[in-house]
Amino acid sequence: MREILGRRRRFLPGRRRGGKPAMLAAALTCATEWHWPVLPGVGLQAGGSGARGCSCPHPDCVVPGAHPFDPGLLAATTDARMVRWWWENRPTAPIVLATGGRAPCALSLPAVAAALALAELDRMGVRLGPVVATPTRWSILVAPYSLEVLGELLHRQDWVPSSLRFHGEGGYLVLPPSATGAGLVRWERAPLPGSAAPWLPDVEAVVDALVEASTSAPGGGSRLAY
């Protein structure tokens, strides 16, 4: 399984690329080169014991640092001036992608099941685009899909594990190199360098393998792992 999970590359948000802070540079790439609408996530704050909790007012937040709060999700934009202003004022804020519309959607599942799914998709010769990973969950980016299309695909399944999550219209996903309560967000499969937006597979190409991998993973895919 260690070979499937692959080598984890540590990339700290404070490092600079091309003279810009890494978070600002990454946010500008998403917004201006790939035309992905982004906004800063709520981020983390240090607790009294040294532990880092969510900066939002909810003490039992289940996704600490990894969600929008202020500004809200509807503020996501591709405007370079707004992106610069946000990350110049909050240079370590996580990068949140507003999914759906013309932006990528995603399907995410626990890391072990996701590694199995990627291995199976590779064996099948399915071309994949970027894959986002945290220590607990991986997210496969796919082309925008509608709720109707997703509903038809899931209706064909005998059972859909509760650990499989869908990031579509009105949803969001935290992008690298953000730091969250679950750990650093990284590219398991990074977009190819260049000015064009990364290529994305259709959801139909990957959903069957993801359901199968979630079902066959330890615990039967029924336990949600954030």
Foldseek 3Di string as FASTA:
>chain_A
DDVLLPDDDDDDQQDDDPPHRNQLVVLLLCQPQQVFFKDFFQAWDADPVRAIFAPDPDPPDPWRLWAHDVVHPVPTHSDSVVSCVRCVVVVQTWIKTQAADQHWKKKKAFSQLVSQLVVVLVVVVHDFWWWKDFNTMIIGTAGADDPVVVVVLVVPDPDAAPQIDIRHHRGMGTAPQHQISRGGMDIPPDADDDRYHIDHHHPVSRPVSSRVSLCPDPPRVRDHDD
